[in-house]
Amino acid sequence: MLLDQHPRTLDVDAIRETLDQARLAPAAIESDALLDDIAERVSRASTPSLRPVFNATGIVLHTNLGRAPLAPAAIAAVAEIAGGYSNLEYDLEGGRRGSRYTHCVSLLRELTGAEDAIVVNNCAAALVLTLSALARGREVIVSRGELVEIGGSFRVPDIMSRSGATLVEVGTTNRTHVDDYVRAITPRTGAIAKVHRSNFSIEGFVADVGVSELAPIASEHDVPIVHDLGSGLLVSLEEFGMPGEPTAREALAAGATVVLMSGDKMLGGPQAGIVVGKAHAIARLKQDPFARAMRTDKMTIAALGATLALYRDPARALAEIPTLAMIIAPVDAIRARCEIVAARLQDAHCGATVVNTVASVGAGAFPTRGIPSAGIALDGNAVLVESRLRSGRPPVIGRIADDRVILDLRSVPAAHDAQLTSAILRALA
C-alpha cells in the first residue's frame, strides 16, 4: 500500500531505516510495530517542510508564523498569475520590453500621495537600496535612539552600513534634539534617516525630533530625509483605540523625501519592501544595481496589487484584509467564538474553558499596545498538550500561561474556527 501512495525511494529508505533500528533492539519486534514505524517514517519524509499552521498565540502579525495572511482577493490574484504567463516585464501597448516596477505604482501613488514608488523583496532590502542610491560613499545622520535590533539578531546599523554609507550617530539613547542634527550636517552628508523603533518604546525623560521638524533643515542643505516607517499602515486605526502609528500618507506629508514600509505587516499583504516618495529619488533607486538583486517576483506583485486595490474603499479593506479584521474585531465577538469552540470541545470530552486574554499586533507595530481578547484554556499537562497540538496535522500553535495551554482566537480568522476545532480534537485524541 505504501508503494501506491509514495515514491518508491521513500518507501525503500523508510524500510531500511526501520530494519536497521530493529536489528539494534535486544528483543524481537512485532511485525505490526515494524509496519507502523515504516508508515510513520514515510509520512514524515513526504510531509512538506513549509506547511500551514493555526496561529492561536494572540500575536496577529507573528513573524515566525509568516506574518500577514493574505486577503481572498490577493490569493485569487496569485493563483491567476502563477498558473501561466503574464506581462511581468512586457509593455502590452507598445509591444516591447516593459518593467516590473510599473505594476503597483499607480495604486501606491493614489493611496499615499507619493510622486513615485518602487517595490523590492523586503523592508531591510528597501533600506539598503535607498541608502545605496542616495548616500553611497557619504554620511547618513541617524539618532542613537533609533539604531535598533530587529528580529533574528539583525541590527539596523549593520544593515545600513551594507549600503556603502557611513553612519553618523547623533543625540543619546533617550534624547535627541534638532541642534544635534544641525551640528552633524557637513558637505559629506548624504541623507538624514528616521528609523521606526520596532518592538519597543522609550518613555520618561525623552526627546525626539519628528520628520516635520527635520524637513526645513534638510531642505536648506538639500539633503533627503529617509523615513523607515516599518509598519506599512495605510488607514488610521485611531477610531478602534489604536492611536500613535502614522500612516504612509501622513509620513510623506510631514516632509520625508522617501518613506519605506513592509508589505506583510499592517498593510496586510505579501512580504515586500515598499518605497514611496519624490520622483527624482525613486528614479535613482531604480537605477541602482541593487534594485535587480532585490526585485520581487510576479506572485508578490500580484498579491500586493490586489491588496492595495482593497484600500480604495477603506471599509472594504478593514473587512477583507485578515490582519486588519483580526486587529479591530470587537472583544465580545472573539469571546462568542471561543464559547462555541469550547462547547464543541467539551461535547467531545475535551476539557476547555473560555478565558480573558491580552493579544498584540506583533511585527514591531504598536509595541506597547495590548488588545483585549479571549481564548480557550485546555485542561491537562500543559507541556504535553502543547507538544501534541504543535505536532498535529495541521499544527496548532498556542501559548502556555498559568500551567495551561491558551489558544487566543484573535489571531485566528473567524472562518477557520471549525477547522481549528477539528485539529485540536485530532491532536488530543
Protein backbone atom coordinates (compact mmCIF):
# COMPACT_ATOMS: atom_id res chain seq x y z
CA MET A 1 0.00 0.00 0.00
CA LEU A 2 2.91 2.34 0.71
CA LEU A 3 4.18 1.87 -2.84
CA ASP A 4 0.82 3.04 -4.20
CA GLN A 5 0.92 6.32 -2.25
CA HIS A 6 4.53 7.49 -2.23
CA PRO A 7 7.65 7.42 -4.41
CA ARG A 8 9.44 4.08 -4.17
CA THR A 9 12.64 5.72 -2.86
CA LEU A 10 10.80 6.98 0.24
CA ASP A 11 9.44 3.51 0.98
CA VAL A 12 12.81 1.82 0.49
CA ASP A 13 14.63 4.34 2.71
CA ALA A 14 11.98 4.01 5.44
CA ILE A 15 12.13 0.20 5.36
CA ARG A 16 15.92 0.21 5.59
CA GLU A 17 15.94 2.69 8.48
CA THR A 18 13.32 0.68 10.38
CA LEU A 19 15.15 -2.62 9.88
CA ASP A 20 18.48 -1.08 10.85
CA GLN A 21 16.90 0.21 14.05
CA ALA A 22 15.17 -3.12 14.72
CA ARG A 23 18.46 -5.02 14.48
CA LEU A 24 19.77 -2.95 17.39
CA ALA A 25 16.84 -3.96 19.62
CA PRO A 26 17.57 -6.63 22.25
CA ALA A 27 14.17 -8.33 21.80
CA ALA A 28 12.04 -9.29 18.83
CA ILE A 29 9.69 -6.63 17.49
CA GLU A 30 6.17 -7.41 16.31
CA SER A 31 5.64 -7.10 12.56
CA ASP A 32 2.74 -4.68 13.10
CA ALA A 33 5.05 -2.39 15.05
CA LEU A 34 7.58 -2.51 12.22
CA LEU A 35 4.91 -1.60 9.69
CA ASP A 36 3.70 1.27 11.86
CA ASP A 37 7.26 2.58 12.16
CA ILE A 38 7.76 2.38 8.39
CA ALA A 39 4.48 4.21 7.77
CA GLU A 40 5.45 6.96 10.22
CA ARG A 41 8.86 7.42 8.61
CA VAL A 42 7.34 7.62 5.13
CA SER A 43 4.74 10.10 6.37
CA ARG A 44 7.40 12.34 7.92
CA ALA A 45 9.60 12.20 4.81
CA SER A 46 6.69 13.07 2.49
CA THR A 47 5.39 15.99 4.58
CA PRO A 48 6.45 19.39 3.17
CA SER A 49 8.82 21.41 5.30
CA LEU A 50 6.68 24.53 4.86
CA ARG A 51 3.06 23.87 5.75
CA PRO A 52 0.01 25.68 7.17
CA VAL A 53 -0.45 26.10 10.92
CA PHE A 54 -3.12 27.64 13.14
CA ASN A 55 -1.79 30.77 14.83
CA ALA A 56 -3.59 30.80 18.20
CA THR A 57 -0.87 32.78 20.01
CA GLY A 58 -2.81 36.04 20.07
CA ILE A 59 0.01 37.74 18.11
CA VAL A 60 -1.67 38.76 14.88
CA LEU A 61 1.50 39.52 12.89
CA HIS A 62 3.62 36.64 14.15
CA THR A 63 6.93 36.81 12.27
CA ASN A 64 7.79 33.16 12.96
CA LEU A 65 4.39 32.08 11.61
CA GLY A 66 4.51 34.05 8.37
CA ARG A 67 3.09 37.43 9.43
CA ALA A 68 0.07 38.65 7.45
CA PRO A 69 -2.32 36.09 5.93
CA LEU A 70 -3.49 37.25 2.52
CA ALA A 71 -6.95 38.51 1.65
CA PRO A 72 -9.06 36.26 -0.62
CA ALA A 73 -8.62 38.77 -3.45
CA ALA A 74 -4.83 38.55 -3.13
CA ILE A 75 -4.89 34.74 -3.05
CA ALA A 76 -7.02 34.69 -6.21
CA ALA A 77 -4.63 37.12 -7.92
CA VAL A 78 -1.63 34.93 -7.09
CA ALA A 79 -3.36 31.81 -8.40
CA GLU A 80 -4.31 33.55 -11.65
CA ILE A 81 -0.79 34.85 -12.32
CA ALA A 82 1.13 31.81 -11.05
CA GLY A 83 -0.68 29.39 -13.34
CA GLY A 84 0.58 30.85 -16.61
CA TYR A 85 2.41 33.66 -18.34
CA SER A 86 1.92 37.35 -17.62
CA ASN A 87 3.03 40.79 -18.77
CA LEU A 88 5.50 40.99 -15.87
CA GLU A 89 8.08 42.84 -17.96
CA TYR A 90 6.19 43.35 -21.19
CA ASP A 91 4.55 46.56 -22.41
CA LEU A 92 1.26 45.40 -23.94
CA GLU A 93 0.52 48.80 -25.51
CA GLY A 94 3.93 49.30 -27.07
CA GLY A 95 4.64 45.65 -27.84
CA ARG A 96 8.11 45.81 -26.32
CA ARG A 97 10.03 45.06 -23.13
CA GLY A 98 8.50 46.70 -20.07
CA SER A 99 9.32 46.97 -16.36
CA ARG A 100 8.05 45.02 -13.38
CA TYR A 101 8.31 48.22 -11.33
CA THR A 102 5.26 49.74 -13.03
CA HIS A 103 2.56 47.36 -11.81
CA CYS A 104 1.82 48.71 -8.30
CA VAL A 105 2.99 52.29 -8.79
CA SER A 106 -0.33 53.90 -9.68
CA LEU A 107 -2.06 52.38 -6.65
CA LEU A 108 0.74 53.44 -4.31
CA ARG A 109 0.62 56.98 -5.68
CA GLU A 110 -3.13 57.10 -5.20
CA LEU A 111 -3.09 55.70 -1.66
CA THR A 112 -0.09 57.59 -0.25
CA GLY A 113 0.13 60.81 -2.26
CA ALA A 114 3.64 59.89 -3.43
CA GLU A 115 5.07 61.00 -6.78
CA ASP A 116 6.53 57.56 -7.50
CA ALA A 117 7.23 54.19 -5.90
CA ILE A 118 9.31 51.03 -6.15
CA VAL A 119 8.73 47.59 -4.65
CA VAL A 120 11.56 45.24 -3.60
CA ASN A 121 11.65 41.98 -1.65
CA ASN A 122 11.51 43.28 1.96
CA CYS A 123 11.91 46.43 4.03
CA ALA A 124 15.52 45.75 5.02
CA ALA A 125 16.35 45.48 1.31
CA ALA A 126 14.47 48.72 0.71
CA LEU A 127 16.65 50.46 3.33
CA VAL A 128 19.91 49.16 1.84
CA LEU A 129 18.80 50.10 -1.69
CA THR A 130 17.66 53.58 -0.65
CA LEU A 131 20.86 54.46 1.18
CA SER A 132 22.98 52.96 -1.59
CA ALA A 133 21.20 55.07 -4.20
CA LEU A 134 21.03 58.29 -2.22
CA ALA A 135 24.06 58.24 0.08
CA ARG A 136 26.68 55.67 -1.00
CA GLY A 137 30.14 56.97 -0.04
CA ARG A 138 28.58 59.72 2.04
CA GLU A 139 27.31 60.17 5.58
CA VAL A 140 23.84 59.36 6.93
CA ILE A 141 22.75 61.09 10.12
CA VAL A 142 20.64 58.98 12.50
CA SER A 143 19.62 59.28 16.14
CA ARG A 144 21.26 56.83 18.57
CA GLY A 145 17.80 56.03 19.92
CA GLU A 146 16.82 54.61 16.51
CA LEU A 147 19.74 52.22 15.99
CA VAL A 148 17.66 49.22 16.93
CA GLU A 149 17.97 45.45 16.66
CA ILE A 150 15.22 43.68 14.75
CA GLY A 151 14.21 40.02 14.58
CA GLY A 152 16.83 37.33 14.04
CA SER A 153 19.54 39.43 15.77
CA PHE A 154 19.85 41.72 12.75
CA ARG A 155 20.81 45.25 13.70
CA VAL A 156 19.80 48.32 11.75
CA PRO A 157 23.33 49.84 11.85
CA ASP A 158 24.74 46.66 10.26
CA ILE A 159 22.06 46.66 7.58
CA MET A 160 22.57 50.36 6.85
CA SER A 161 26.36 50.02 6.60
CA ARG A 162 25.95 47.44 3.83
CA SER A 163 24.69 50.26 1.63
CA GLY A 164 28.16 51.82 1.49
CA ALA A 165 27.10 54.83 3.54
CA THR A 166 28.79 55.94 6.76
CA LEU A 167 26.53 56.33 9.80
CA VAL A 168 26.83 59.45 11.90
CA GLU A 169 25.12 58.97 15.26
CA VAL A 170 23.62 61.99 17.00
CA GLY A 171 21.97 62.57 20.37
CA THR A 172 21.73 59.98 23.09
CA THR A 173 19.69 56.83 23.59
CA ASN A 174 16.80 58.70 25.20
CA ARG A 175 17.13 62.30 23.97
CA THR A 176 17.88 63.76 20.56
CA HIS A 177 17.34 67.42 19.63
CA VAL A 178 17.14 69.45 16.42
CA ASP A 179 20.53 71.03 17.14
CA ASP A 180 22.11 67.57 17.18
CA TYR A 181 21.16 67.12 13.53
CA VAL A 182 22.15 70.67 12.57
CA ARG A 183 25.64 70.31 14.05
CA ALA A 184 26.15 66.97 12.29
CA ILE A 185 25.43 68.24 8.78
CA THR A 186 28.55 68.70 6.64
CA PRO A 187 29.30 68.76 2.90
CA ARG A 188 29.66 64.95 3.20
CA THR A 189 26.10 64.45 4.43
CA GLY A 190 24.11 62.30 2.02
CA ALA A 191 20.86 61.81 3.96
CA ILE A 192 19.06 62.10 7.27
CA ALA A 193 17.44 58.83 8.39
CA LYS A 194 14.47 58.30 10.67
CA VAL A 195 14.00 54.67 11.75
CA HIS A 196 10.86 53.16 13.27
CA ARG A 197 11.51 51.79 16.77
CA SER A 198 10.42 48.23 16.24
CA ASN A 199 9.11 46.16 19.19
CA PHE A 200 9.75 48.76 21.92
CA SER A 201 9.17 52.35 23.01
CA ILE A 202 11.14 54.81 25.10
CA GLU A 203 9.27 56.64 27.86
CA GLY A 204 10.15 59.01 30.66
CA PHE A 205 12.89 61.63 30.24
CA VAL A 206 12.92 61.52 26.44
CA ALA A 207 13.10 63.85 23.46
CA ASP A 208 12.74 63.08 19.79
CA VAL A 209 12.76 65.02 16.54
CA GLY A 210 9.97 64.41 14.07
CA VAL A 211 10.20 64.49 10.30
CA SER A 212 8.27 67.76 10.15
CA GLU A 213 10.98 69.42 12.29
CA LEU A 214 13.75 67.96 10.16
CA ALA A 215 12.18 68.95 6.84
CA PRO A 216 13.25 72.65 6.88
CA ILE A 217 16.80 71.68 7.84
CA ALA A 218 17.01 69.04 5.14
CA SER A 219 15.60 71.45 2.56
CA GLU A 220 18.09 74.17 3.48
CA HIS A 221 21.03 71.82 2.97
CA ASP A 222 19.48 69.91 0.02
CA VAL A 223 19.64 66.63 1.95
CA PRO A 224 16.97 63.90 1.56
CA ILE A 225 15.06 62.53 4.53
CA VAL A 226 14.74 58.73 4.53
CA HIS A 227 11.90 57.64 6.82
CA ASP A 228 11.83 53.91 7.59
CA LEU A 229 8.20 53.72 8.69
CA GLY A 230 8.21 49.94 9.04
CA SER A 231 4.59 49.02 9.66
CA GLY A 232 3.03 49.96 6.32
CA LEU A 233 -0.19 51.30 7.84
CA LEU A 234 -2.40 52.80 5.12
CA VAL A 235 -5.57 53.56 7.14
CA SER A 236 -5.74 55.09 10.61
CA LEU A 237 -6.91 52.80 13.40
CA GLU A 238 -7.49 55.56 15.96
CA GLU A 239 -11.26 55.05 15.97
CA PHE A 240 -10.60 51.46 17.07
CA GLY A 241 -8.49 52.55 20.03
CA MET A 242 -5.14 52.14 18.23
CA PRO A 243 -3.52 55.61 18.07
CA GLY A 244 0.14 56.54 17.65
CA GLU A 245 1.12 54.75 14.45
CA PRO A 246 1.39 57.14 11.45
CA THR A 247 0.07 56.17 8.05
CA ALA A 248 2.31 56.27 4.98
CA ARG A 249 0.42 59.31 3.66
CA GLU A 250 0.98 61.17 6.94
CA ALA A 251 4.69 60.29 6.92
CA LEU A 252 5.10 61.68 3.41
CA ALA A 253 3.05 64.78 4.19
CA ALA A 254 5.35 65.51 7.13
CA GLY A 255 8.18 66.15 4.67
CA ALA A 256 10.03 62.87 4.11
CA THR A 257 11.73 62.51 0.74
CA VAL A 258 11.06 58.77 0.75
CA VAL A 259 9.09 56.53 3.11
CA LEU A 260 9.91 52.83 3.48
CA MET A 261 7.46 50.18 4.70
CA SER A 262 6.80 46.46 4.79
CA GLY A 263 4.14 44.73 2.75
CA ASP A 264 3.43 41.94 5.24
CA LYS A 265 2.89 43.98 8.40
CA MET A 266 0.00 46.41 8.93
CA LEU A 267 -0.56 46.69 5.19
CA GLY A 268 -1.70 43.05 5.29
CA GLY A 269 -0.13 41.87 2.05
CA PRO A 270 2.81 39.70 0.96
CA GLN A 271 6.40 40.14 2.08
CA ALA A 272 7.73 43.17 0.23
CA GLY A 273 9.71 46.34 0.78
CA ILE A 274 7.85 49.40 -0.47
CA VAL A 275 9.49 52.79 -1.08
CA VAL A 276 7.27 55.76 -1.89
CA GLY A 277 8.29 59.39 -2.30
CA LYS A 278 9.72 62.01 -4.60
CA ALA A 279 10.10 61.04 -8.26
CA HIS A 280 13.74 62.13 -8.50
CA ALA A 281 14.70 59.97 -5.51
CA ILE A 282 12.78 56.90 -6.70
CA ALA A 283 14.41 57.26 -10.14
CA ARG A 284 17.83 56.92 -8.51
CA LEU A 285 16.67 53.79 -6.67
CA LYS A 286 15.50 52.19 -9.91
CA GLN A 287 18.90 52.84 -11.48
CA ASP A 288 20.92 51.37 -8.60
CA PRO A 289 22.44 47.91 -9.28
CA PHE A 290 20.98 46.64 -6.00
CA ALA A 291 17.48 47.08 -7.46
CA ARG A 292 17.81 44.00 -9.65
CA ALA A 293 19.24 41.89 -6.83
CA MET A 294 16.33 42.85 -4.60
CA ARG A 295 13.48 42.71 -7.12
CA THR A 296 10.20 40.92 -6.41
CA ASP A 297 8.61 38.08 -8.34
CA LYS A 298 5.31 38.02 -10.23
CA MET A 299 3.36 36.37 -7.39
CA THR A 300 4.39 39.05 -4.88
CA ILE A 301 3.42 41.79 -7.30
CA ALA A 302 0.05 40.14 -7.95
CA ALA A 303 -0.72 39.75 -4.25
CA LEU A 304 0.42 43.27 -3.40
CA GLY A 305 -1.57 44.84 -6.22
CA ALA A 306 -4.76 43.04 -5.19
CA THR A 307 -4.24 44.02 -1.54
CA LEU A 308 -3.61 47.67 -2.39
CA ALA A 309 -6.74 47.75 -4.55
CA LEU A 310 -8.85 46.92 -1.50
CA TYR A 311 -7.70 50.15 0.17
CA ARG A 312 -9.56 52.22 -2.40
CA ASP A 313 -12.54 51.51 -0.14
CA PRO A 314 -11.21 51.70 3.46
CA ALA A 315 -14.29 49.95 4.85
CA ARG A 316 -13.72 47.05 2.49
CA ALA A 317 -10.03 46.90 3.44
CA LEU A 318 -10.90 46.72 7.14
CA ALA A 319 -13.38 43.90 6.48
CA GLU A 320 -11.48 41.81 3.92
CA ILE A 321 -7.81 42.12 4.83
CA PRO A 322 -7.38 39.47 7.57
CA THR A 323 -4.75 41.39 9.55
CA LEU A 324 -6.93 44.46 9.93
CA ALA A 325 -10.11 42.46 10.53
CA MET A 326 -8.49 40.48 13.35
CA ILE A 327 -6.97 43.55 14.99
CA ILE A 328 -10.19 45.58 15.10
CA ALA A 329 -12.61 42.72 15.87
CA PRO A 330 -14.72 43.53 19.00
CA VAL A 331 -13.67 41.51 22.02
CA ASP A 332 -17.29 40.36 22.52
CA ALA A 333 -17.21 38.76 19.07
CA ILE A 334 -13.94 36.97 19.92
CA ARG A 335 -15.41 35.70 23.19
CA ALA A 336 -18.57 34.44 21.45
CA ARG A 337 -16.44 32.42 19.03
CA CYS A 338 -14.46 30.99 21.95
CA GLU A 339 -17.65 29.85 23.65
CA ILE A 340 -18.78 27.98 20.52
CA VAL A 341 -15.41 26.26 20.05
CA ALA A 342 -15.14 25.41 23.77
CA ALA A 343 -18.63 23.88 23.75
CA ARG A 344 -17.72 21.66 20.80
CA LEU A 345 -14.54 20.54 22.57
CA GLN A 346 -16.48 19.79 25.77
CA ASP A 347 -19.03 17.77 23.81
CA ALA A 348 -16.10 15.64 22.64
CA HIS A 349 -14.94 15.22 26.28
CA CYS A 350 -12.03 17.62 25.87
CA GLY A 351 -11.73 19.94 28.87
CA ALA A 352 -11.87 23.57 27.72
CA THR A 353 -12.65 26.89 29.43
CA VAL A 354 -13.10 30.36 27.95
CA VAL A 355 -10.68 32.90 29.48
CA ASN A 356 -9.89 36.58 29.03
CA THR A 357 -6.57 37.31 27.34
CA VAL A 358 -4.49 40.19 26.02
CA ALA A 359 -3.45 39.94 22.38
CA SER A 360 -0.96 42.08 20.43
CA VAL A 361 -0.37 43.28 16.89
CA GLY A 362 3.18 41.94 16.56
CA ALA A 363 5.94 42.58 13.98
CA GLY A 364 7.02 45.73 15.83
CA ALA A 365 3.76 47.66 15.29
CA PHE A 366 2.02 49.23 18.31
CA PRO A 367 4.67 47.61 20.57
CA THR A 368 3.16 48.71 23.91
CA ARG A 369 -0.48 48.30 22.97
CA GLY A 370 -2.30 45.25 24.32
CA ILE A 371 -5.61 44.31 22.71
CA PRO A 372 -8.34 42.85 24.95
CA SER A 373 -9.15 39.39 23.67
CA ALA A 374 -10.40 35.94 24.64
CA GLY A 375 -9.08 32.43 24.37
CA ILE A 376 -9.65 28.80 25.24
CA ALA A 377 -7.73 27.20 28.12
CA LEU A 378 -7.25 23.46 27.64
CA ASP A 379 -7.14 21.01 30.54
CA GLY A 380 -4.26 18.60 31.05
CA ASN A 381 -0.50 18.72 31.35
CA ALA A 382 0.40 21.96 29.58
CA VAL A 383 3.72 20.76 28.19
CA LEU A 384 2.21 17.55 26.82
CA VAL A 385 -0.87 19.29 25.39
CA GLU A 386 1.26 21.97 23.73
CA SER A 387 3.53 19.33 22.21
CA ARG A 388 0.61 17.33 20.82
CA LEU A 389 -1.01 20.42 19.31
CA ARG A 390 2.28 21.51 17.77
CA SER A 391 2.78 18.03 16.29
CA GLY A 392 -0.73 17.86 14.86
CA ARG A 393 -1.77 17.96 11.24
CA PRO A 394 -2.16 20.81 10.81
CA PRO A 395 -0.20 22.08 13.83
CA VAL A 396 -1.92 24.35 16.33
CA ILE A 397 0.39 26.92 17.92
CA GLY A 398 -0.74 28.46 21.20
CA ARG A 399 0.95 29.65 24.36
CA ILE A 400 1.32 28.38 27.92
CA ALA A 401 0.12 30.58 30.80
CA ASP A 402 -0.67 29.60 34.38
CA ASP A 403 0.21 25.98 33.60
CA ARG A 404 -2.43 25.73 30.88
CA VAL A 405 -2.33 25.94 27.11
CA ILE A 406 -4.20 29.05 25.93
CA LEU A 407 -5.50 29.33 22.37
CA ASP A 408 -6.25 33.01 21.65
CA LEU A 409 -8.77 33.34 18.83
CA ARG A 410 -7.96 36.95 17.93
CA SER A 411 -5.14 35.69 15.71
CA VAL A 412 -7.36 33.01 14.11
CA PRO A 413 -9.60 34.16 11.23
CA ALA A 414 -13.24 33.58 12.18
CA ALA A 415 -13.80 31.43 9.08
CA HIS A 416 -11.26 28.90 10.40
CA ASP A 417 -12.96 28.08 13.72
CA ALA A 418 -14.42 24.75 12.57
CA GLN A 419 -11.10 23.58 11.13
CA LEU A 420 -9.31 24.67 14.30
CA THR A 421 -11.73 22.67 16.46
CA SER A 422 -11.18 19.56 14.35
CA ALA A 423 -7.40 19.99 14.51
CA ILE A 424 -7.49 20.27 18.32
CA LEU A 425 -9.60 17.14 18.67
CA ARG A 426 -7.36 15.13 16.33
CA ALA A 427 -4.22 16.23 18.14
CA LEU A 428 -5.58 15.41 21.61
CA ALA A 429 -7.44 12.20 20.72
